[in-house]
Structures are given as C-alpha cells and as structure tokens.
Protein backbone atom coordinates (compact mmCIF):
# COMPACT_ATOMS: atom_id res chain seq x y z
CA MET A 1 12.93 19.82 9.54
CA ILE A 2 9.98 22.13 8.76
CA ALA A 3 11.49 23.05 5.41
CA LYS A 4 11.97 19.39 4.56
CA LYS A 5 8.35 18.57 5.41
CA TYR A 6 7.18 21.49 3.29
CA LEU A 7 9.26 20.28 0.34
CA LEU A 8 7.89 16.75 0.57
CA THR A 9 4.33 18.04 0.72
CA LEU A 10 4.92 20.29 -2.28
CA LEU A 11 6.39 17.44 -4.31
CA LEU A 12 3.42 15.23 -3.48
CA LEU A 13 0.93 17.89 -4.55
CA LEU A 14 2.82 18.53 -7.76
CA GLY A 15 2.87 14.81 -8.50
CA LEU A 16 -0.88 14.50 -8.02
CA SER A 17 -1.51 17.60 -10.09
CA SER A 18 0.49 16.20 -12.98
CA ILE A 19 -1.87 13.26 -13.35
CA GLY A 20 -5.03 15.27 -13.02
CA PHE A 21 -5.88 15.02 -9.33
CA SER A 22 -6.67 18.14 -7.36
CA ALA A 23 -5.19 18.66 -3.92
CA GLU A 24 -8.59 18.51 -2.25
CA PRO A 25 -8.71 17.17 1.30
CA VAL A 26 -9.37 13.46 1.72
CA GLU A 27 -12.88 12.81 2.98
CA LYS A 28 -13.35 10.94 6.24
CA PRO A 29 -14.15 7.29 5.42
CA ASN A 30 -17.69 6.06 5.94
CA TYR A 31 -17.09 2.30 5.88
CA LEU A 32 -13.78 1.79 4.13
CA SER A 33 -10.39 3.30 4.87
CA PRO A 34 -8.21 3.61 1.73
CA SER A 35 -5.46 1.74 3.59
CA SER A 36 -7.70 -1.33 3.98
CA VAL A 37 -7.72 -2.05 0.23
CA ASP A 38 -4.25 -1.99 -1.31
CA LEU A 39 -4.96 -2.25 -5.04
CA VAL A 40 -1.36 -1.39 -5.87
CA HIS A 41 -0.29 -4.84 -4.65
CA ILE A 42 -3.36 -6.66 -6.00
CA LEU A 43 -3.75 -5.42 -9.57
CA ALA A 44 -1.36 -6.44 -12.31
CA PRO A 45 0.29 -3.40 -13.87
CA PRO A 46 -1.29 -2.26 -17.16
CA PRO A 47 0.57 -3.26 -20.31
CA PRO A 48 3.17 -0.76 -21.57
CA VAL A 49 2.03 1.38 -24.48
CA ASP A 50 4.76 0.02 -26.80
CA SER A 51 4.09 -3.67 -25.99
CA ALA A 52 2.02 -6.14 -28.01
CA ALA A 53 -0.54 -6.28 -25.22
CA GLY A 54 -0.65 -2.48 -25.03
CA ASN A 55 -1.22 -2.22 -28.77
CA ALA A 56 -3.98 -4.86 -28.62
CA ASP A 57 -5.62 -2.83 -25.85
CA LEU A 58 -5.54 0.31 -28.02
CA GLN A 59 -6.83 -1.53 -31.08
CA ALA A 60 -9.82 -2.76 -29.04
CA VAL A 61 -10.69 0.86 -28.24
CA LEU A 62 -10.38 1.86 -31.90
CA GLU A 63 -12.50 -1.11 -32.98
CA ALA A 64 -15.21 -0.18 -30.47
CA GLN A 65 -15.08 3.36 -31.86
CA ARG A 66 -15.34 2.12 -35.46
CA THR A 67 -18.33 -0.16 -34.83
CA ARG A 68 -20.32 1.75 -32.20
CA THR A 69 -23.93 2.40 -33.13
CA GLN A 70 -26.02 5.44 -32.27
CA ALA A 71 -27.74 3.34 -29.60
CA GLU A 72 -24.37 2.43 -28.09
CA VAL A 73 -23.27 6.07 -28.18
CA ALA A 74 -26.44 7.09 -26.33
CA SER A 75 -25.94 4.28 -23.80
CA ALA A 76 -22.30 5.23 -23.17
CA GLN A 77 -23.20 8.88 -22.73
CA ALA A 78 -26.01 8.08 -20.30
CA ASP A 79 -23.77 5.73 -18.32
CA ALA A 80 -21.17 8.46 -17.87
CA GLN A 81 -23.29 9.37 -14.84
CA ILE A 82 -22.15 7.64 -11.66
CA SER A 83 -25.35 6.68 -9.88
CA VAL A 84 -26.66 3.43 -8.45
CA PHE A 85 -29.96 4.29 -10.12
CA ARG A 86 -28.45 3.49 -13.52
CA PHE A 87 -29.39 -0.07 -12.51
CA ALA A 88 -33.10 0.84 -12.44
CA ASP A 89 -33.64 -0.48 -15.97
CA VAL A 90 -33.00 -4.04 -14.77
CA ILE A 91 -34.23 -3.71 -11.18
CA GLY A 92 -37.59 -2.07 -11.69
CA SER A 93 -39.44 1.24 -11.79
CA GLY A 94 -39.67 1.38 -7.98
CA PHE A 95 -35.89 1.69 -7.77
CA LYS A 96 -35.61 5.49 -7.69
CA PRO A 97 -34.27 8.07 -5.22
CA GLU A 98 -37.64 9.37 -4.02
CA ASN A 99 -38.55 5.86 -2.86
CA LEU A 100 -35.17 5.11 -1.31
CA PRO A 101 -33.78 7.95 0.85
CA PHE A 102 -31.62 5.74 3.06
CA THR A 103 -30.40 3.65 0.12
CA THR A 104 -29.44 6.80 -1.79
CA MET A 105 -27.30 7.94 1.14
CA PHE A 106 -25.89 4.44 1.64
CA PHE A 107 -24.64 4.07 -1.93
CA ASP A 108 -23.32 7.64 -1.98
CA ARG A 109 -21.18 6.73 1.03
CA ILE A 110 -19.90 3.62 -0.71
CA SER A 111 -18.98 5.64 -3.80
CA ALA A 112 -17.14 8.23 -1.72
CA ASP A 113 -15.08 5.53 -0.01
CA SER A 114 -14.36 3.66 -3.24
CA LYS A 115 -13.24 6.87 -4.93
CA GLN A 116 -10.44 7.33 -2.40
CA VAL A 117 -9.22 3.76 -2.98
CA ILE A 118 -9.23 4.24 -6.76
CA ILE A 119 -7.48 7.63 -6.57
CA ALA A 120 -4.53 5.96 -4.84
CA ALA A 121 -4.29 3.22 -7.47
CA LYS A 122 -4.61 5.66 -10.39
CA ALA A 123 -1.87 7.81 -8.89
CA TYR A 124 0.45 4.81 -8.62
CA PHE A 125 -0.08 3.30 -12.08
CA ASN A 126 -0.45 6.71 -13.80
CA ARG A 127 -1.59 5.26 -17.12
CA PRO A 128 -2.45 7.78 -19.87
CA ARG A 129 -5.97 7.64 -21.28
CA PRO A 130 -6.45 6.14 -24.78
CA PHE A 131 -7.18 9.55 -26.31
CA VAL A 132 -3.90 10.83 -24.84
CA THR A 133 -1.93 7.90 -26.22
CA ASP A 134 -3.41 8.06 -29.73
CA SER A 135 -5.14 11.02 -31.36
CA LYS A 136 -7.21 8.64 -33.51
CA VAL A 137 -9.31 7.90 -30.40
CA GLN A 138 -12.26 10.28 -30.42
CA PRO A 139 -14.22 10.14 -27.12
CA ILE A 140 -17.97 10.73 -27.15
CA VAL A 141 -18.13 11.33 -23.39
CA LYS A 142 -16.39 13.91 -21.20
CA GLU A 143 -12.63 13.42 -21.22
CA PRO A 144 -11.47 12.79 -17.62
CA ALA A 145 -8.36 14.63 -16.51
CA ASN A 146 -7.06 11.85 -14.28
CA ALA A 147 -5.23 8.60 -15.04
CA SER A 148 -6.82 5.62 -16.75
CA TYR A 149 -6.03 2.51 -14.67
CA PRO A 150 -8.12 1.16 -13.04
CA SER A 151 -11.44 2.44 -14.35
CA GLY A 152 -13.36 4.27 -11.63
CA HIS A 153 -16.66 3.82 -13.48
CA ALA A 154 -16.08 0.08 -13.84
CA THR A 155 -15.12 -0.14 -10.17
CA PHE A 156 -18.35 1.65 -9.30
CA ALA A 157 -20.40 -0.65 -11.56
CA TYR A 158 -19.14 -3.83 -9.93
CA THR A 159 -18.99 -2.48 -6.38
CA ASP A 160 -22.65 -1.45 -6.53
CA GLY A 161 -23.64 -4.38 -8.72
CA ILE A 162 -22.33 -6.99 -6.31
CA ILE A 163 -24.09 -5.32 -3.38
CA LEU A 164 -27.37 -5.03 -5.31
CA ALA A 165 -27.12 -8.66 -6.42
CA ASN A 166 -26.80 -9.70 -2.78
CA MET A 167 -29.84 -7.61 -1.88
CA LEU A 168 -31.82 -8.95 -4.84
CA PRO A 169 -30.57 -12.45 -5.64
CA GLU A 170 -33.58 -13.09 -7.86
CA LYS A 171 -32.32 -10.28 -10.11
CA ALA A 172 -28.61 -11.08 -9.81
CA PRO A 173 -27.98 -12.25 -13.43
CA ALA A 174 -29.56 -9.10 -14.88
CA ILE A 175 -27.69 -6.89 -12.41
CA PHE A 176 -24.32 -8.41 -13.29
CA ASP A 177 -25.10 -8.11 -17.01
CA ARG A 178 -25.95 -4.44 -16.46
CA ALA A 179 -22.70 -3.87 -14.57
CA GLN A 180 -20.78 -5.37 -17.49
CA ILE A 181 -22.52 -3.09 -19.99
CA TYR A 182 -21.94 -0.04 -17.82
CA ALA A 183 -18.24 -0.87 -17.49
CA HIS A 184 -17.77 -1.67 -21.20
CA ASN A 185 -19.39 1.64 -22.10
CA ARG A 186 -16.18 3.33 -20.95
CA VAL A 187 -14.39 1.57 -23.82
CA VAL A 188 -17.21 2.48 -26.21
CA GLY A 189 -16.92 6.06 -24.96
CA GLY A 190 -13.23 6.15 -25.84
CA VAL A 191 -11.93 6.96 -22.36
CA HIS A 192 -10.74 3.55 -21.15
CA TYR A 193 -8.93 0.46 -22.35
CA PRO A 194 -10.43 -3.02 -21.81
CA THR A 195 -7.71 -3.76 -19.24
CA ASP A 196 -8.77 -0.66 -17.28
CA VAL A 197 -12.28 -2.05 -17.15
CA GLU A 198 -11.12 -5.51 -16.09
CA ALA A 199 -9.03 -3.92 -13.34
CA GLY A 200 -12.18 -2.07 -12.26
CA ARG A 201 -14.07 -5.35 -12.02
CA ILE A 202 -11.35 -6.77 -9.81
CA SER A 203 -11.20 -3.59 -7.74
CA GLY A 204 -14.96 -3.59 -7.13
CA SER A 205 -14.83 -7.23 -6.07
CA VAL A 206 -11.96 -6.61 -3.65
CA ILE A 207 -13.68 -3.55 -2.16
CA ASP A 208 -16.88 -5.51 -1.59
CA SER A 209 -15.00 -8.41 -0.04
CA VAL A 210 -13.83 -5.99 2.65
CA LEU A 211 -17.15 -4.18 3.02
CA LEU A 212 -19.27 -7.32 3.34
CA HIS A 213 -17.19 -8.41 6.34
CA ASP A 214 -17.50 -5.11 8.19
CA PRO A 215 -20.18 -4.99 10.95
CA HIS A 216 -20.86 -1.24 10.58
CA PHE A 217 -21.32 -1.61 6.84
CA MET A 218 -23.56 -4.66 7.24
CA GLU A 219 -25.81 -2.80 9.66
CA ASP A 220 -26.51 -0.15 7.03
CA TYR A 221 -26.58 -2.75 4.25
CA ASN A 222 -29.43 -4.58 5.99
CA LYS A 223 -31.39 -1.33 6.40
CA SER A 224 -30.91 -0.53 2.71
CA ARG A 225 -31.80 -4.06 1.65
CA LEU A 226 -35.14 -3.90 3.49
CA GLU A 227 -35.90 -0.48 2.00
CA VAL A 228 -35.09 -1.64 -1.54
CA ARG A 229 -37.11 -4.83 -1.32
CA HIS A 230 -40.07 -2.94 0.15
CA ALA A 231 -39.94 -0.34 -2.64
CA LEU A 232 -39.99 -3.15 -5.20
CA GLY A 233 -42.82 -5.00 -3.47
CA LEU A 234 -40.59 -7.95 -2.58
CA GLN A 235 -40.55 -9.84 0.72
C-alpha cells in the first residue's frame, strides 16, 4: 500500500514537472478553495493545433507580432507584471501601494487563490504556448515555462478588474477597457493565443462570482473599498 501511494505521488509530480509546474506546496486558501471553482468542467477545451480554429488562433498571434508598434511592445512588457496597481493609469494617481496597505494585502490574497485555480486548469488542458508550437513566434516578454490555457494574466486582469469596477462604478468602463488591454497584451507579447485570453476572461468572471458571494471575502472587500475610495478622495 505504501509503495503504491509513493508511486502515485511520483507520477503526479512528474506529470506536473513535464508541463512546467514545480512541486511546491499548495498555499492555504485565503478566500477561495481551488475545489470551489472547477474550470475544467466550465471552459471549452482549446482548439487542437492541427485544426482550422487552432491555425486561426496561431495566425492571430503572428499578425499581432507583425503589426505591433514600439508603444505596444512597451505596454506588453510593462503589463507582464502581475499587480493590481497596473490599473492606476485609469483609476488615478492616489491608487498606489503606499496609500493602500490593506488593499495591497487584499489583492495579493486574491491573486494567490486565483493562481491555484488556474494551475489546476493549465495542468488539465496542457496546451503548448504559441512559441512552442511555432518557432516563427518571437516573444518580447519572458517565456513562461507552464502551459498556455487559460491565461493566468488574463484571469488576473478580469478578476481584479471586476472587483475594482464594483468598488468604483464611476470608473467601471475605463477599468474594463484596461483589463482588456492588459489581457490582449499577452497575445501582443507572443506568449498566449486569443482563446487563452478569452478563457482567462471567463475564468476571472467565474472566480469573482464565487468570491462576491462569500461573507469572509465581502468583509475584507468592504474594508478595501473604503480604503480605495478614501485614497482617491471619493465618498
């Protein structure tokens, strides 16, 4: 029995290693248990590489690469950073870590929880990155070692964007536009397909649907909302 358990554990670790995930211990959830969001049974599978849809997905990456401007390159490289403060350019100059200690911690907790959900989905779908599928794709951001679908950056953009839009409804259109740019920058950067990004949008929406109905999360959400609105001089 012990030998069998050891073998199963070894096979699992080898499987995760093969798609670029380290065997680091799973962090204790803050608000969201990975089992509470089952993206495997929510997301459509990505298109096969050799299908018409898969080829169209790849061509969209190559077209973004062909037409990207220096400004778009700079934007994609800056947005490689995962931080809620990437939204500061549409929220306002008061939206910065030194003004928002609780909010910084709050969104870090959300990101940590979301990461565990996305890791499980990436492991299941195990989609190769565009630059792995086709050597003509030349990324201009760091090449992630893990699987491509769904996009973790896009999931982050919409998870945080939806929460921020609820906190700041008067800025909601600009926040959603910024989330879309942030997510699309992964295609511009050459590390994701458009369908990865769309799956990230869905994933972020599903994650928030669970979070926004959780009393513990909402308690901290309300504290963060007050802190953000105060820092921006809003009532």
